[in-house]
Protein backbone atom coordinates (compact mmCIF):
# COMPACT_ATOMS: atom_id res chain seq x y z
CA MET A 1 97.05 67.92 198.04
CA GLU A 2 96.41 64.06 198.24
CA SER A 3 92.89 64.58 196.43
CA LEU A 4 94.60 66.83 193.55
CA HIS A 5 97.45 64.10 193.27
CA THR A 6 94.69 61.46 192.81
CA GLN A 7 92.65 63.10 190.20
CA SER A 8 95.84 63.82 187.88
CA THR A 9 97.02 60.11 188.38
CA GLY A 10 93.92 59.16 186.81
CA ALA A 11 94.11 61.39 183.76
CA MET A 12 97.31 60.72 183.27
CA ALA A 13 97.05 57.11 183.46
CA ASN A 14 94.24 57.32 180.84
CA LEU A 15 96.25 59.74 178.68
CA ILE A 16 99.20 57.06 178.85
CA LYS A 17 96.87 53.86 178.21
CA SER A 18 95.05 55.39 175.33
CA ARG A 19 98.10 56.90 173.44
CA ARG A 20 99.00 54.79 170.10
CA SER A 21 101.60 55.03 167.43
CA ILE A 22 99.95 56.47 164.46
CA ARG A 23 101.06 55.29 160.94
CA GLN A 24 98.26 56.51 158.94
CA PHE A 25 97.66 60.32 159.09
CA LYS A 26 95.31 62.68 157.47
CA SER A 27 97.11 65.29 155.28
CA ASP A 28 95.55 68.20 157.32
CA PRO A 29 98.38 70.58 158.29
CA VAL A 30 99.70 71.15 161.74
CA SER A 31 100.40 74.38 163.00
CA LYS A 32 104.19 75.36 163.78
CA GLU A 33 102.73 77.40 166.73
CA LEU A 34 101.19 74.14 168.20
CA LEU A 35 104.42 72.09 167.31
CA ILE A 36 106.43 74.73 169.28
CA GLU A 37 103.90 74.68 172.36
CA LEU A 38 104.47 70.88 172.28
CA LEU A 39 108.22 71.16 172.17
CA ASN A 40 108.06 73.65 175.25
CA VAL A 41 106.10 71.33 177.11
CA ALA A 42 108.16 68.39 176.37
CA ALA A 43 111.30 70.38 177.55
CA TRP A 44 109.71 69.37 180.98
CA ALA A 45 110.89 65.58 180.40
CA PRO A 46 113.51 64.43 182.96
CA THR A 47 117.07 65.36 182.18
CA HIS A 48 119.99 64.62 184.23
CA GLY A 49 121.81 67.88 185.46
CA VAL A 50 119.24 69.60 183.48
CA ARG A 51 121.63 69.05 180.34
CA GLU A 52 118.79 69.13 177.75
CA PRO A 53 121.10 67.14 175.27
CA TRP A 54 118.39 67.35 172.42
CA ARG A 55 118.01 69.49 169.55
CA PHE A 56 115.23 69.03 166.75
CA ILE A 57 115.04 69.54 163.09
CA LEU A 58 111.85 70.04 161.43
CA TYR A 59 110.72 69.22 157.92
CA MET A 60 107.33 70.36 156.87
CA GLU A 61 105.46 71.69 153.65
CA GLU A 62 107.77 71.51 150.60
CA ALA A 63 110.82 70.60 152.51
CA ARG A 64 109.40 67.00 153.26
CA ASP A 65 110.69 66.31 149.84
CA THR A 66 114.26 66.89 150.56
CA LEU A 67 113.93 64.40 153.69
CA ALA A 68 112.08 62.04 151.62
CA LYS A 69 114.76 61.84 149.01
CA ALA A 70 117.44 61.75 151.38
CA MET A 71 116.05 58.53 153.05
CA VAL A 72 115.42 57.16 149.45
CA ASP A 73 119.01 57.75 148.49
CA THR A 74 120.19 55.49 151.04
CA TYR A 75 118.23 52.51 149.68
CA SER A 76 120.18 49.87 147.39
CA ALA A 77 118.96 50.11 143.67
CA GLU A 78 116.80 46.95 144.41
CA ASP A 79 114.89 48.74 147.38
CA ARG A 80 114.58 51.76 145.18
CA VAL A 81 112.62 49.96 142.46
CA LYS A 82 110.66 48.19 145.23
CA TYR A 83 109.99 50.75 147.81
CA ALA A 84 110.90 54.25 146.74
CA GLN A 85 107.69 56.01 145.33
CA LYS A 86 105.54 54.49 148.13
CA LYS A 87 108.03 55.72 150.76
CA MET A 88 108.28 59.15 149.03
CA ASP A 89 104.32 59.36 148.83
CA TYR A 90 104.23 58.49 152.63
CA PHE A 91 106.66 61.24 153.36
CA LEU A 92 105.14 63.77 151.70
CA HIS A 93 101.58 62.95 152.82
CA VAL A 94 102.67 63.08 156.75
CA PRO A 95 102.18 66.82 157.80
CA MET A 96 105.39 66.93 159.79
CA HIS A 97 108.70 65.06 160.32
CA LEU A 98 110.70 65.81 163.40
CA ILE A 99 114.37 64.80 163.82
CA VAL A 100 115.47 64.36 167.53
CA VAL A 101 119.12 64.45 167.99
CA MET A 102 121.37 64.54 170.89
CA ASN A 103 125.05 65.37 171.67
CA GLU A 104 127.03 62.25 171.66
CA ASP A 105 128.91 62.69 175.11
CA SER A 106 132.26 60.61 175.07
CA ARG A 107 131.71 59.77 178.74
CA GLN A 108 129.53 56.67 178.77
CA LYS A 109 127.50 57.39 181.94
CA GLN A 110 126.66 60.90 180.60
CA TRP A 111 125.72 59.19 177.14
CA ASP A 112 123.54 56.87 178.75
CA GLU A 113 121.89 59.64 180.83
CA ASP A 114 121.68 61.76 177.84
CA TYR A 115 119.95 58.86 175.50
CA ALA A 116 117.79 57.94 178.54
CA ALA A 117 116.78 62.03 178.80
CA ALA A 118 116.11 62.16 174.98
CA SER A 119 114.01 58.99 174.99
CA ALA A 120 112.04 60.55 177.91
CA TRP A 121 111.53 63.55 175.96
CA ILE A 122 110.33 61.84 172.89
CA GLN A 123 107.64 59.98 174.93
CA THR A 124 106.66 63.35 176.72
CA PHE A 125 106.19 64.94 173.41
CA GLN A 126 104.36 62.06 172.09
CA LEU A 127 101.87 62.39 175.26
CA ALA A 128 101.47 66.19 175.08
CA ALA A 129 100.90 65.73 171.38
CA TRP A 130 98.15 62.97 172.15
CA GLU A 131 96.30 65.27 174.38
CA GLN A 132 95.86 68.00 171.70
CA GLY A 133 94.84 65.01 169.35
CA LEU A 134 97.91 64.65 167.29
CA GLY A 135 99.53 61.38 166.31
CA VAL A 136 103.04 60.45 166.43
CA VAL A 137 105.01 57.32 165.54
CA TRP A 138 108.65 57.21 166.73
CA LYS A 139 111.03 55.78 163.98
CA THR A 140 114.37 54.69 164.31
CA ASN A 141 115.15 53.32 160.60
CA ASN A 142 118.92 52.10 159.34
CA PHE A 143 118.87 55.50 157.22
CA ASN A 144 119.61 57.31 160.64
CA TYR A 145 122.98 56.18 160.68
CA HIS A 146 123.82 56.86 156.87
CA PRO A 147 126.55 59.69 156.23
CA GLY A 148 124.80 60.93 153.19
CA PHE A 149 121.22 61.05 155.17
CA ARG A 150 122.71 62.71 158.27
CA GLU A 151 124.51 65.47 156.04
CA THR A 152 121.55 66.17 154.15
CA VAL A 153 119.23 66.54 156.97
CA GLY A 154 121.28 68.66 159.15
CA VAL A 155 122.75 66.30 161.66
CA GLN A 156 125.99 67.62 162.87
CA PRO A 157 129.30 65.35 163.53
CA GLY A 158 129.24 64.14 167.20
CA GLU A 159 125.14 63.97 167.18
CA LYS A 160 123.24 60.81 167.14
CA ILE A 161 119.65 60.65 165.54
CA VAL A 162 117.72 59.44 168.68
CA GLY A 163 114.32 59.21 166.50
CA LEU A 164 112.42 60.46 163.49
CA LEU A 165 109.22 61.66 164.52
CA HIS A 166 106.38 61.42 162.16
CA ILE A 167 103.45 64.10 163.18
CA GLY A 168 99.96 64.54 162.36
CA TYR A 169 96.32 64.16 163.14
CA PRO A 170 95.52 60.30 162.89
CA GLU A 171 93.68 58.81 159.98
CA LEU A 172 93.47 55.54 161.73
CA ILE A 173 93.97 54.77 165.57
CA PRO A 174 94.96 51.16 166.04
CA PRO A 175 93.38 49.40 168.68
CA PRO A 176 95.50 48.83 171.90
CA ARG A 177 97.86 45.73 171.77
CA PRO A 178 98.18 43.81 175.08
CA ARG A 179 101.03 44.52 177.62
CA LYS A 180 102.53 41.99 180.13
CA ASP A 181 101.10 42.30 183.88
CA ALA A 182 103.85 43.73 185.72
CA GLN A 183 103.50 40.99 188.16
CA GLN A 184 104.99 38.50 185.54
CA ILE A 185 108.12 40.64 185.32
CA LEU A 186 108.85 41.86 188.77
CA THR A 187 111.29 40.38 191.11
CA ILE A 188 110.51 41.58 194.68
CA HIS A 189 113.21 41.39 197.30
CA ASP A 190 111.67 42.17 200.83
CA LYS A 191 113.54 39.84 203.27
CA LEU A 192 117.18 40.10 204.26
């Protein structure tokens, strides 16, 4: 058992360290079958009490236009002039957009646990996608809070958008950005 654990730790560590947030995608389509497979893999993310507080809304193919328009409709008139066409083009180029929503529990502890679980789900999904050659970027934008956007894309009352994931095959993989050494931010208590 020890040797199996050691082997998988190395492979997992490499997967975690190699994953990048992808912002430039090829226009190549991603199959729904692959997406569903990845959704089912990510379902194994830690979740308190196996509540699985998440659900997903997928926009692909022609429906990307609805999502893009809902996003642009949240812009001020000035921002529409500046950014609308560029954002529309981007949303229509990315093969898939997955909205990850969670139920908003009124109890703070459960809300915190559910948000942590949904965030763990997203990271698990990103890693599973990366392993299959897919890139993902996890976006949390102001339009996620806009009532018109939420209604248009199918977010229900009592749900929070945890992230909008752009998904596709990477056109460009950015270089790694440095991370802090854990020793710089670790406080150790080892004596009474």
